[in-house]
Full PDB file with SEQRES, HELIX, SHEET, SSBOND, CRYST1, ORIGX, SCALE, CONECT and MASTER records, all heavy atoms in Angstrom:
SEQRES   1 A   42  GLY GLY ASP LYS VAL LYS ALA ARG ALA LEU VAL LYS SER          
SEQRES   2 A   42  ALA THR GLU GLU PHE ALA ARG GLY ASN PRO ALA VAL ALA          
SEQRES   3 A   42  GLY GLY ARG GLY TRP GLY GLU GLY GLU ALA TRP TYR TRP          
SEQRES   4 A   42  LEU ALA ARG                                                  
HELIX    1 AA1 LYS A    4  ALA A   19  1                                  16    
HELIX    2 AA2 GLU A   33  ALA A   41  1                                   9    
CRYST1    1.000    1.000    1.000  90.00  90.00  90.00 P 1           1          
ORIGX1      1.000000  0.000000  0.000000        0.00000                         
ORIGX2      0.000000  1.000000  0.000000        0.00000                         
ORIGX3      0.000000  0.000000  1.000000        0.00000                         
SCALE1      1.000000  0.000000  0.000000        0.00000                         
SCALE2      0.000000  1.000000  0.000000        0.00000                         
SCALE3      0.000000  0.000000  1.000000        0.00000                         
ATOM      1  N   GLY A   1     206.856  71.094-102.180  1.00  0.00           N  
ATOM      2  CA  GLY A   1     206.064  72.293-101.895  1.00  0.00           C  
ATOM      3  C   GLY A   1     204.654  72.122-101.785  1.00  0.00           C  
ATOM      4  O   GLY A   1     203.880  73.214-101.656  1.00  0.00           O  
ATOM      5  N   GLY A   2     204.058  70.942-102.005  1.00  0.00           N  
ATOM      6  CA  GLY A   2     202.577  70.819-101.759  1.00  0.00           C  
ATOM      7  C   GLY A   2     202.153  71.064-100.427  1.00  0.00           C  
ATOM      8  O   GLY A   2     202.818  70.833 -99.399  1.00  0.00           O  
ATOM      9  N   ASP A   3     200.996  71.624-100.252  1.00  0.00           N  
ATOM     10  CA  ASP A   3     200.561  71.938 -99.033  1.00  0.00           C  
ATOM     11  C   ASP A   3     198.994  71.745 -98.980  1.00  0.00           C  
ATOM     12  O   ASP A   3     198.287  72.882 -99.356  1.00  0.00           O  
ATOM     13  CB  ASP A   3     200.868  73.204 -98.543  1.00  0.00           C  
ATOM     14  CG  ASP A   3     200.623  73.705 -97.087  1.00  0.00           C  
ATOM     15  OD1 ASP A   3     199.558  73.228 -96.553  1.00  0.00           O  
ATOM     16  OD2 ASP A   3     201.425  74.549 -96.535  1.00  0.00           O  
ATOM     17  N   LYS A   4     198.332  70.769 -98.405  1.00  0.00           N  
ATOM     18  CA  LYS A   4     196.903  70.632 -98.537  1.00  0.00           C  
ATOM     19  C   LYS A   4     196.228  71.597 -97.597  1.00  0.00           C  
ATOM     20  O   LYS A   4     194.987  71.980 -97.974  1.00  0.00           O  
ATOM     21  CB  LYS A   4     196.569  69.139 -98.247  1.00  0.00           C  
ATOM     22  CG  LYS A   4     197.055  68.156 -99.328  1.00  0.00           C  
ATOM     23  CD  LYS A   4     196.548  66.790 -99.008  1.00  0.00           C  
ATOM     24  CE  LYS A   4     197.162  65.775 -99.970  1.00  0.00           C  
ATOM     25  NZ  LYS A   4     196.763  66.009-101.414  1.00  0.00           N  
ATOM     26  N   VAL A   5     196.722  71.924 -96.512  1.00  0.00           N  
ATOM     27  CA  VAL A   5     196.059  72.816 -95.518  1.00  0.00           C  
ATOM     28  C   VAL A   5     196.052  74.259 -96.197  1.00  0.00           C  
ATOM     29  O   VAL A   5     194.940  75.032 -96.136  1.00  0.00           O  
ATOM     30  CB  VAL A   5     196.815  72.994 -94.149  1.00  0.00           C  
ATOM     31  CG1 VAL A   5     196.294  74.039 -93.408  1.00  0.00           C  
ATOM     32  CG2 VAL A   5     196.771  71.630 -93.488  1.00  0.00           C  
ATOM     33  N   LYS A   6     197.134  74.686 -96.798  1.00  0.00           N  
ATOM     34  CA  LYS A   6     197.067  75.992 -97.460  1.00  0.00           C  
ATOM     35  C   LYS A   6     196.165  75.944 -98.720  1.00  0.00           C  
ATOM     36  O   LYS A   6     195.547  76.838 -99.008  1.00  0.00           O  
ATOM     37  CB  LYS A   6     198.506  76.323 -98.028  1.00  0.00           C  
ATOM     38  CG  LYS A   6     198.610  77.754 -98.577  1.00  0.00           C  
ATOM     39  CD  LYS A   6     200.022  78.060 -98.970  1.00  0.00           C  
ATOM     40  CE  LYS A   6     200.084  79.478 -99.568  1.00  0.00           C  
ATOM     41  NZ  LYS A   6     201.436  79.891 -99.999  1.00  0.00           N  
ATOM     42  N   ALA A   7     196.141  74.819 -99.519  1.00  0.00           N  
ATOM     43  CA  ALA A   7     195.229  74.623-100.593  1.00  0.00           C  
ATOM     44  C   ALA A   7     193.821  74.810-100.203  1.00  0.00           C  
ATOM     45  O   ALA A   7     192.987  75.554-100.971  1.00  0.00           O  
ATOM     46  CB  ALA A   7     195.476  73.194-101.174  1.00  0.00           C  
ATOM     47  N   ARG A   8     193.376  74.263 -99.005  1.00  0.00           N  
ATOM     48  CA  ARG A   8     192.053  74.502 -98.733  1.00  0.00           C  
ATOM     49  C   ARG A   8     191.819  75.912 -98.300  1.00  0.00           C  
ATOM     50  O   ARG A   8     190.750  76.564 -98.652  1.00  0.00           O  
ATOM     51  CB  ARG A   8     191.851  73.652 -97.316  1.00  0.00           C  
ATOM     52  CG  ARG A   8     190.312  73.751 -96.783  1.00  0.00           C  
ATOM     53  CD  ARG A   8     190.228  73.057 -95.450  1.00  0.00           C  
ATOM     54  NE  ARG A   8     188.944  73.364 -94.912  1.00  0.00           N  
ATOM     55  CZ  ARG A   8     188.583  73.137 -93.670  1.00  0.00           C  
ATOM     56  NH1 ARG A   8     189.480  72.554 -92.856  1.00  0.00           N  
ATOM     57  NH2 ARG A   8     187.359  73.385 -93.157  1.00  0.00           N  
ATOM     58  N   ALA A   9     192.649  76.614 -97.721  1.00  0.00           N  
ATOM     59  CA  ALA A   9     192.497  78.033 -97.287  1.00  0.00           C  
ATOM     60  C   ALA A   9     192.328  78.826 -98.642  1.00  0.00           C  
ATOM     61  O   ALA A   9     191.509  79.723 -98.762  1.00  0.00           O  
ATOM     62  CB  ALA A   9     193.686  78.608 -96.513  1.00  0.00           C  
ATOM     63  N   LEU A  10     193.238  78.465 -99.669  1.00  0.00           N  
ATOM     64  CA  LEU A  10     193.070  79.256-100.947  1.00  0.00           C  
ATOM     65  C   LEU A  10     191.777  78.995-101.667  1.00  0.00           C  
ATOM     66  O   LEU A  10     191.112  79.903-102.181  1.00  0.00           O  
ATOM     67  CB  LEU A  10     194.206  78.849-101.908  1.00  0.00           C  
ATOM     68  CG  LEU A  10     195.598  79.423-101.531  1.00  0.00           C  
ATOM     69  CD1 LEU A  10     196.668  78.911-102.404  1.00  0.00           C  
ATOM     70  CD2 LEU A  10     195.574  80.974-101.585  1.00  0.00           C  
ATOM     71  N   VAL A  11     191.282  77.768-101.636  1.00  0.00           N  
ATOM     72  CA  VAL A  11     190.043  77.379-102.365  1.00  0.00           C  
ATOM     73  C   VAL A  11     188.856  78.070-101.660  1.00  0.00           C  
ATOM     74  O   VAL A  11     187.922  78.388-102.263  1.00  0.00           O  
ATOM     75  CB  VAL A  11     189.931  75.901-102.664  1.00  0.00           C  
ATOM     76  CG1 VAL A  11     189.362  75.201-101.446  1.00  0.00           C  
ATOM     77  CG2 VAL A  11     189.070  75.674-103.831  1.00  0.00           C  
ATOM     78  N   LYS A  12     189.034  78.071-100.334  1.00  0.00           N  
ATOM     79  CA  LYS A  12     187.924  78.785 -99.613  1.00  0.00           C  
ATOM     80  C   LYS A  12     187.873  80.277 -99.941  1.00  0.00           C  
ATOM     81  O   LYS A  12     186.824  80.911-100.054  1.00  0.00           O  
ATOM     82  CB  LYS A  12     188.162  78.701 -98.065  1.00  0.00           C  
ATOM     83  CG  LYS A  12     187.074  79.150 -97.158  1.00  0.00           C  
ATOM     84  CD  LYS A  12     187.352  78.955 -95.722  1.00  0.00           C  
ATOM     85  CE  LYS A  12     186.064  79.396 -94.894  1.00  0.00           C  
ATOM     86  NZ  LYS A  12     185.964  80.862 -94.943  1.00  0.00           N  
ATOM     87  N   SER A  13     189.048  80.838-100.099  1.00  0.00           N  
ATOM     88  CA  SER A  13     189.159  82.269-100.536  1.00  0.00           C  
ATOM     89  C   SER A  13     188.473  82.404-101.904  1.00  0.00           C  
ATOM     90  O   SER A  13     187.846  83.435-102.261  1.00  0.00           O  
ATOM     91  CB  SER A  13     190.555  82.758-100.577  1.00  0.00           C  
ATOM     92  OG  SER A  13     191.103  82.865 -99.201  1.00  0.00           O  
ATOM     93  N   ALA A  14     188.780  81.438-102.868  1.00  0.00           N  
ATOM     94  CA  ALA A  14     188.220  81.397-104.195  1.00  0.00           C  
ATOM     95  C   ALA A  14     186.607  81.475-104.022  1.00  0.00           C  
ATOM     96  O   ALA A  14     186.044  82.203-104.747  1.00  0.00           O  
ATOM     97  CB  ALA A  14     188.590  80.278-104.958  1.00  0.00           C  
ATOM     98  N   THR A  15     186.010  80.490-103.332  1.00  0.00           N  
ATOM     99  CA  THR A  15     184.612  80.530-103.173  1.00  0.00           C  
ATOM    100  C   THR A  15     184.072  81.930-102.617  1.00  0.00           C  
ATOM    101  O   THR A  15     182.954  82.486-103.103  1.00  0.00           O  
ATOM    102  CB  THR A  15     184.125  79.498-102.204  1.00  0.00           C  
ATOM    103  OG1 THR A  15     184.590  79.661-100.719  1.00  0.00           O  
ATOM    104  CG2 THR A  15     184.561  78.046-102.664  1.00  0.00           C  
ATOM    105  N   GLU A  16     184.737  82.582-101.725  1.00  0.00           N  
ATOM    106  CA  GLU A  16     184.314  83.870-101.098  1.00  0.00           C  
ATOM    107  C   GLU A  16     184.361  84.938-102.255  1.00  0.00           C  
ATOM    108  O   GLU A  16     183.517  85.809-102.298  1.00  0.00           O  
ATOM    109  CB  GLU A  16     185.285  84.176 -99.947  1.00  0.00           C  
ATOM    110  CG  GLU A  16     184.987  83.235 -98.798  1.00  0.00           C  
ATOM    111  CD  GLU A  16     186.130  83.388 -97.711  1.00  0.00           C  
ATOM    112  OE1 GLU A  16     187.087  84.134 -98.020  1.00  0.00           O  
ATOM    113  OE2 GLU A  16     185.922  82.807 -96.566  1.00  0.00           O  
ATOM    114  N   GLU A  17     185.452  84.914-102.992  1.00  0.00           N  
ATOM    115  CA  GLU A  17     185.574  85.892-104.192  1.00  0.00           C  
ATOM    116  C   GLU A  17     184.543  85.754-105.175  1.00  0.00           C  
ATOM    117  O   GLU A  17     183.997  86.566-105.812  1.00  0.00           O  
ATOM    118  CB  GLU A  17     187.063  85.790-104.710  1.00  0.00           C  
ATOM    119  CG  GLU A  17     188.146  86.282-103.767  1.00  0.00           C  
ATOM    120  CD  GLU A  17     187.908  87.758-103.269  1.00  0.00           C  
ATOM    121  OE1 GLU A  17     187.286  88.607-104.007  1.00  0.00           O  
ATOM    122  OE2 GLU A  17     188.431  88.056-102.142  1.00  0.00           O  
ATOM    123  N   PHE A  18     184.315  84.449-105.441  1.00  0.00           N  
ATOM    124  CA  PHE A  18     183.206  84.189-106.519  1.00  0.00           C  
ATOM    125  C   PHE A  18     181.891  84.763-105.971  1.00  0.00           C  
ATOM    126  O   PHE A  18     181.085  85.312-106.635  1.00  0.00           O  
ATOM    127  CB  PHE A  18     182.991  82.712-106.688  1.00  0.00           C  
ATOM    128  CG  PHE A  18     183.944  82.114-107.819  1.00  0.00           C  
ATOM    129  CD1 PHE A  18     184.907  81.139-107.586  1.00  0.00           C  
ATOM    130  CD2 PHE A  18     183.861  82.562-109.094  1.00  0.00           C  
ATOM    131  CE1 PHE A  18     185.608  80.630-108.509  1.00  0.00           C  
ATOM    132  CE2 PHE A  18     184.547  82.122-110.086  1.00  0.00           C  
ATOM    133  CZ  PHE A  18     185.492  81.129-109.776  1.00  0.00           C  
ATOM    134  N   ALA A  19     181.563  84.475-104.639  1.00  0.00           N  
ATOM    135  CA  ALA A  19     180.331  84.791-103.962  1.00  0.00           C  
ATOM    136  C   ALA A  19     180.091  86.377-104.044  1.00  0.00           C  
ATOM    137  O   ALA A  19     179.096  86.859-104.129  1.00  0.00           O  
ATOM    138  CB  ALA A  19     180.328  84.380-102.561  1.00  0.00           C  
ATOM    139  N   ARG A  20     181.158  87.158-103.832  1.00  0.00           N  
ATOM    140  CA  ARG A  20     181.012  88.566-103.728  1.00  0.00           C  
ATOM    141  C   ARG A  20     181.075  89.197-105.190  1.00  0.00           C  
ATOM    142  O   ARG A  20     181.037  90.424-105.282  1.00  0.00           O  
ATOM    143  CB  ARG A  20     182.050  89.240-102.771  1.00  0.00           C  
ATOM    144  CG  ARG A  20     183.497  89.106-103.322  1.00  0.00           C  
ATOM    145  CD  ARG A  20     184.288  90.083-102.392  1.00  0.00           C  
ATOM    146  NE  ARG A  20     184.324  89.749-100.951  1.00  0.00           N  
ATOM    147  CZ  ARG A  20     185.088  89.052-100.271  1.00  0.00           C  
ATOM    148  NH1 ARG A  20     186.365  88.616-100.866  1.00  0.00           N  
ATOM    149  NH2 ARG A  20     184.968  88.889 -98.966  1.00  0.00           N  
ATOM    150  N   GLY A  21     181.211  88.436-106.221  1.00  0.00           N  
ATOM    151  CA  GLY A  21     181.301  88.927-107.540  1.00  0.00           C  
ATOM    152  C   GLY A  21     182.494  89.763-107.654  1.00  0.00           C  
ATOM    153  O   GLY A  21     182.398  90.867-108.302  1.00  0.00           O  
ATOM    154  N   ASN A  22     183.628  89.187-107.518  1.00  0.00           N  
ATOM    155  CA  ASN A  22     184.883  89.905-107.619  1.00  0.00           C  
ATOM    156  C   ASN A  22     185.060  90.551-108.981  1.00  0.00           C  
ATOM    157  O   ASN A  22     184.915  89.863-109.942  1.00  0.00           O  
ATOM    158  CB  ASN A  22     186.022  88.992-107.417  1.00  0.00           C  
ATOM    159  CG  ASN A  22     187.346  89.561-107.278  1.00  0.00           C  
ATOM    160  OD1 ASN A  22     187.821  90.451-108.120  1.00  0.00           O  
ATOM    161  ND2 ASN A  22     188.175  89.308-106.157  1.00  0.00           N  
ATOM    162  N   PRO A  23     185.296  91.835-109.008  1.00  0.00           N  
ATOM    163  CA  PRO A  23     185.367  92.535-110.288  1.00  0.00           C  
ATOM    164  C   PRO A  23     186.692  92.228-111.118  1.00  0.00           C  
ATOM    165  O   PRO A  23     186.788  92.538-112.217  1.00  0.00           O  
ATOM    166  CB  PRO A  23     185.422  94.057-109.894  1.00  0.00           C  
ATOM    167  CG  PRO A  23     185.890  94.122-108.425  1.00  0.00           C  
ATOM    168  CD  PRO A  23     185.383  92.757-107.913  1.00  0.00           C  
ATOM    169  N   ALA A  24     187.481  91.497-110.442  1.00  0.00           N  
ATOM    170  CA  ALA A  24     188.793  91.084-111.135  1.00  0.00           C  
ATOM    171  C   ALA A  24     188.537  90.002-112.061  1.00  0.00           C  
ATOM    172  O   ALA A  24     189.340  89.709-113.030  1.00  0.00           O  
ATOM    173  CB  ALA A  24     189.853  90.599-110.111  1.00  0.00           C  
ATOM    174  N   VAL A  25     187.477  89.307-111.966  1.00  0.00           N  
ATOM    175  CA  VAL A  25     187.086  88.318-112.913  1.00  0.00           C  
ATOM    176  C   VAL A  25     186.581  88.848-114.178  1.00  0.00           C  
ATOM    177  O   VAL A  25     185.664  89.817-114.234  1.00  0.00           O  
ATOM    178  CB  VAL A  25     185.970  87.283-112.374  1.00  0.00           C  
ATOM    179  CG1 VAL A  25     185.659  86.220-113.321  1.00  0.00           C  
ATOM    180  CG2 VAL A  25     186.374  86.797-111.031  1.00  0.00           C  
ATOM    181  N   ALA A  26     187.100  88.308-115.325  1.00  0.00           N  
ATOM    182  CA  ALA A  26     186.739  88.917-116.693  1.00  0.00           C  
ATOM    183  C   ALA A  26     185.236  88.729-116.756  1.00  0.00           C  
ATOM    184  O   ALA A  26     184.629  87.639-116.588  1.00  0.00           O  
ATOM    185  CB  ALA A  26     187.516  88.154-117.776  1.00  0.00           C  
ATOM    186  N   GLY A  27     184.578  89.856-117.284  1.00  0.00           N  
ATOM    187  CA  GLY A  27     183.063  89.778-117.475  1.00  0.00           C  
ATOM    188  C   GLY A  27     182.636  88.699-118.333  1.00  0.00           C  
ATOM    189  O   GLY A  27     183.010  88.345-119.472  1.00  0.00           O  
ATOM    190  N   GLY A  28     181.512  87.978-117.824  1.00  0.00           N  
ATOM    191  CA  GLY A  28     181.015  86.833-118.551  1.00  0.00           C  
ATOM    192  C   GLY A  28     181.636  85.537-118.497  1.00  0.00           C  
ATOM    193  O   GLY A  28     181.182  84.516-118.980  1.00  0.00           O  
ATOM    194  N   ARG A  29     182.877  85.496-117.944  1.00  0.00           N  
ATOM    195  CA  ARG A  29     183.607  84.294-117.928  1.00  0.00           C  
ATOM    196  C   ARG A  29     183.503  83.542-116.619  1.00  0.00           C  
ATOM    197  O   ARG A  29     184.171  83.619-115.739  1.00  0.00           O  
ATOM    198  CB  ARG A  29     185.161  84.505-118.100  1.00  0.00           C  
ATOM    199  CG  ARG A  29     185.351  85.050-119.576  1.00  0.00           C  
ATOM    200  CD  ARG A  29     186.767  85.346-119.883  1.00  0.00           C  
ATOM    201  NE  ARG A  29     186.975  85.453-121.323  1.00  0.00           N  
ATOM    202  CZ  ARG A  29     186.659  86.465-122.058  1.00  0.00           C  
ATOM    203  NH1 ARG A  29     186.129  87.614-121.438  1.00  0.00           N  
ATOM    204  NH2 ARG A  29     186.858  86.594-123.350  1.00  0.00           N  
ATOM    205  N   GLY A  30     182.235  82.812-116.644  1.00  0.00           N  
ATOM    206  CA  GLY A  30     181.787  82.314-115.240  1.00  0.00           C  
ATOM    207  C   GLY A  30     182.064  80.879-115.044  1.00  0.00           C  
ATOM    208  O   GLY A  30     181.308  80.135-114.457  1.00  0.00           O  
ATOM    209  N   TRP A  31     183.328  80.345-115.392  1.00  0.00           N  
ATOM    210  CA  TRP A  31     183.462  78.976-115.042  1.00  0.00           C  
ATOM    211  C   TRP A  31     184.294  78.958-113.728  1.00  0.00           C  
ATOM    212  O   TRP A  31     184.998  79.856-113.354  1.00  0.00           O  
ATOM    213  CB  TRP A  31     184.446  78.445-116.264  1.00  0.00           C  
ATOM    214  CG  TRP A  31     185.870  78.862-116.253  1.00  0.00           C  
ATOM    215  CD1 TRP A  31     186.208  79.985-117.070  1.00  0.00           C  
ATOM    216  CD2 TRP A  31     187.011  78.447-115.655  1.00  0.00           C  
ATOM    217  NE1 TRP A  31     187.631  80.105-116.973  1.00  0.00           N  
ATOM    218  CE2 TRP A  31     188.070  79.202-116.149  1.00  0.00           C  
ATOM    219  CE3 TRP A  31     187.177  77.307-114.887  1.00  0.00           C  
ATOM    220  CZ2 TRP A  31     189.452  78.944-115.733  1.00  0.00           C  
ATOM    221  CZ3 TRP A  31     188.647  77.070-114.350  1.00  0.00           C  
ATOM    222  CH2 TRP A  31     189.544  77.865-114.826  1.00  0.00           C  
ATOM    223  N   GLY A  32     184.323  77.835-113.002  1.00  0.00           N  
ATOM    224  CA  GLY A  32     185.063  77.508-111.924  1.00  0.00           C  
ATOM    225  C   GLY A  32     184.326  77.610-110.640  1.00  0.00           C  
ATOM    226  O   GLY A  32     184.817  77.027-109.503  1.00  0.00           O  
ATOM    227  N   GLU A  33     183.198  78.272-110.473  1.00  0.00           N  
ATOM    228  CA  GLU A  33     182.655  78.544-109.149  1.00  0.00           C  
ATOM    229  C   GLU A  33     182.231  77.281-108.529  1.00  0.00           C  
ATOM    230  O   GLU A  33     182.518  76.959-107.381  1.00  0.00           O  
ATOM    231  CB  GLU A  33     181.525  79.506-109.242  1.00  0.00           C  
ATOM    232  CG  GLU A  33     180.979  79.819-107.864  1.00  0.00           C  
ATOM    233  CD  GLU A  33     179.941  81.059-107.875  1.00  0.00           C  
ATOM    234  OE1 GLU A  33     179.464  81.238-108.924  1.00  0.00           O  
ATOM    235  OE2 GLU A  33     179.562  81.484-106.703  1.00  0.00           O  
ATOM    236  N   GLY A  34     181.346  76.324-109.276  1.00  0.00           N  
ATOM    237  CA  GLY A  34     180.946  75.170-108.847  1.00  0.00           C  
ATOM    238  C   GLY A  34     182.050  74.247-108.413  1.00  0.00           C  
ATOM    239  O   GLY A  34     182.047  73.537-107.479  1.00  0.00           O  
ATOM    240  N   GLU A  35     183.150  74.277-109.297  1.00  0.00           N  
ATOM    241  CA  GLU A  35     184.315  73.446-109.096  1.00  0.00           C  
ATOM    242  C   GLU A  35     184.938  73.778-107.730  1.00  0.00           C  
ATOM    243  O   GLU A  35     185.588  72.988-106.879  1.00  0.00           O  
ATOM    244  CB  GLU A  35     185.313  73.463-110.063  1.00  0.00           C  
ATOM    245  CG  GLU A  35     184.859  72.864-111.377  1.00  0.00           C  
ATOM    246  CD  GLU A  35     184.801  73.666-112.539  1.00  0.00           C  
ATOM    247  OE1 GLU A  35     184.241  74.829-112.526  1.00  0.00           O  
ATOM    248  OE2 GLU A  35     185.338  73.334-113.617  1.00  0.00           O  
ATOM    249  N   ALA A  36     185.048  75.167-107.475  1.00  0.00           N  
ATOM    250  CA  ALA A  36     185.697  75.660-106.220  1.00  0.00           C  
ATOM    251  C   ALA A  36     184.932  75.157-104.986  1.00  0.00           C  
ATOM    252  O   ALA A  36     185.633  74.730-104.020  1.00  0.00           O  
ATOM    253  CB  ALA A  36     185.727  77.188-106.280  1.00  0.00           C  
ATOM    254  N   TRP A  37     183.545  75.211-105.100  1.00  0.00           N  
ATOM    255  CA  TRP A  37     182.855  74.643-103.995  1.00  0.00           C  
ATOM    256  C   TRP A  37     183.098  73.146-103.814  1.00  0.00           C  
ATOM    257  O   TRP A  37     183.086  72.594-102.643  1.00  0.00           O  
ATOM    258  CB  TRP A  37     181.419  75.029-104.076  1.00  0.00           C  
ATOM    259  CG  TRP A  37     181.084  76.415-103.763  1.00  0.00           C  
ATOM    260  CD1 TRP A  37     180.776  77.418-104.513  1.00  0.00           C  
ATOM    261  CD2 TRP A  37     180.982  77.012-102.437  1.00  0.00           C  
ATOM    262  NE1 TRP A  37     180.484  78.643-103.905  1.00  0.00           N  
ATOM    263  CE2 TRP A  37     180.647  78.422-102.497  1.00  0.00           C  
ATOM    264  CE3 TRP A  37     181.269  76.452-101.092  1.00  0.00           C  
ATOM    265  CZ2 TRP A  37     180.664  79.215-101.515  1.00  0.00           C  
ATOM    266  CZ3 TRP A  37     181.104  77.268-100.056  1.00  0.00           C  
ATOM    267  CH2 TRP A  37     180.771  78.610-100.219  1.00  0.00           C  
ATOM    268  N   TYR A  38     183.038  72.499-104.932  1.00  0.00           N  
ATOM    269  CA  TYR A  38     183.348  71.008-104.858  1.00  0.00           C  
ATOM    270  C   TYR A  38     184.574  70.729-104.062  1.00  0.00           C  
ATOM    271  O   TYR A  38     184.792  69.832-103.151  1.00  0.00           O  
ATOM    272  CB  TYR A  38     183.354  70.368-106.193  1.00  0.00           C  
ATOM    273  CG  TYR A  38     184.031  68.950-106.161  1.00  0.00           C  
ATOM    274  CD1 TYR A  38     183.253  67.833-105.550  1.00  0.00           C  
ATOM    275  CD2 TYR A  38     185.242  68.882-106.663  1.00  0.00           C  
ATOM    276  CE1 TYR A  38     183.895  66.651-105.553  1.00  0.00           C  
ATOM    277  CE2 TYR A  38     185.955  67.615-106.583  1.00  0.00           C  
ATOM    278  CZ  TYR A  38     185.308  66.421-105.989  1.00  0.00           C  
ATOM    279  OH  TYR A  38     185.951  65.356-105.997  1.00  0.00           O  
ATOM    280  N   TRP A  39     185.717  71.334-104.619  1.00  0.00           N  
ATOM    281  CA  TRP A  39     186.974  71.084-103.966  1.00  0.00           C  
ATOM    282  C   TRP A  39     187.138  71.604-102.607  1.00  0.00           C  
ATOM    283  O   TRP A  39     187.816  70.905-101.720  1.00  0.00           O  
ATOM    284  CB  TRP A  39     188.109  71.732-104.823  1.00  0.00           C  
ATOM    285  CG  TRP A  39     188.352  70.971-106.082  1.00  0.00           C  
ATOM    286  CD1 TRP A  39     187.950  71.285-107.412  1.00  0.00           C  
ATOM    287  CD2 TRP A  39     188.938  69.752-106.131  1.00  0.00           C  
ATOM    288  NE1 TRP A  39     188.269  70.277-108.262  1.00  0.00           N  
ATOM    289  CE2 TRP A  39     188.922  69.416-107.536  1.00  0.00           C  
ATOM    290  CE3 TRP A  39     189.488  68.791-105.226  1.00  0.00           C  
ATOM    291  CZ2 TRP A  39     189.405  68.041-108.005  1.00  0.00           C  
ATOM    292  CZ3 TRP A  39     189.947  67.597-105.650  1.00  0.00           C  
ATOM    293  CH2 TRP A  39     189.966  67.151-107.058  1.00  0.00           C  
ATOM    294  N   LEU A  40     186.449  72.536-102.094  1.00  0.00           N  
ATOM    295  CA  LEU A  40     186.398  73.080-100.796  1.00  0.00           C  
ATOM    296  C   LEU A  40     185.815  71.842 -99.919  1.00  0.00           C  
ATOM    297  O   LEU A  40     186.166  71.490 -98.791  1.00  0.00           O  
ATOM    298  CB  LEU A  40     185.637  74.179-100.611  1.00  0.00           C  
ATOM    299  CG  LEU A  40     185.527  74.700 -99.054  1.00  0.00           C  
ATOM    300  CD1 LEU A  40     186.764  74.961 -98.457  1.00  0.00           C  
ATOM    301  CD2 LEU A  40     184.612  76.073 -98.984  1.00  0.00           C  
ATOM    302  N   ALA A  41     184.703  71.289-100.511  1.00  0.00           N  
ATOM    303  CA  ALA A  41     184.028  70.156 -99.814  1.00  0.00           C  
ATOM    304  C   ALA A  41     184.820  68.962 -99.586  1.00  0.00           C  
ATOM    305  O   ALA A  41     185.006  68.384 -98.545  1.00  0.00           O  
ATOM    306  CB  ALA A  41     182.718  69.795-100.567  1.00  0.00           C  
ATOM    307  N   ARG A  42     185.590  68.586-100.689  1.00  0.00           N  
ATOM    308  CA  ARG A  42     186.502  67.447-100.622  1.00  0.00           C  
ATOM    309  C   ARG A  42     187.703  67.634 -99.601  1.00  0.00           C  
ATOM    310  O   ARG A  42     187.971  66.816 -98.832  1.00  0.00           O  
ATOM    311  CB  ARG A  42     186.959  67.180-102.009  1.00  0.00           C  
ATOM    312  CG  ARG A  42     188.053  66.048-102.123  1.00  0.00           C  
ATOM    313  CD  ARG A  42     188.217  65.647-103.462  1.00  0.00           C  
ATOM    314  NE  ARG A  42     189.352  64.610-103.577  1.00  0.00           N  
ATOM    315  CZ  ARG A  42     189.596  63.923-104.685  1.00  0.00           C  
ATOM    316  NH1 ARG A  42     188.886  64.042-105.782  1.00  0.00           N  
ATOM    317  NH2 ARG A  42     190.560  63.108-104.621  1.00  0.00           N  
TER     318      ARG A  42                                                      
MASTER        0    0    0    2    0    0    0    6  317    1    0    4          
END                                                                             
């Protein structure tokens, strides 16, 4: 079930949600944004 193309689309969505300050993220728990951009680059 691995899918690198779909993985890229999902991680791109993650960067977009981080960028817009998605209210679904628990307040103050700011880990993962830099990693999301790194994996999108890779």
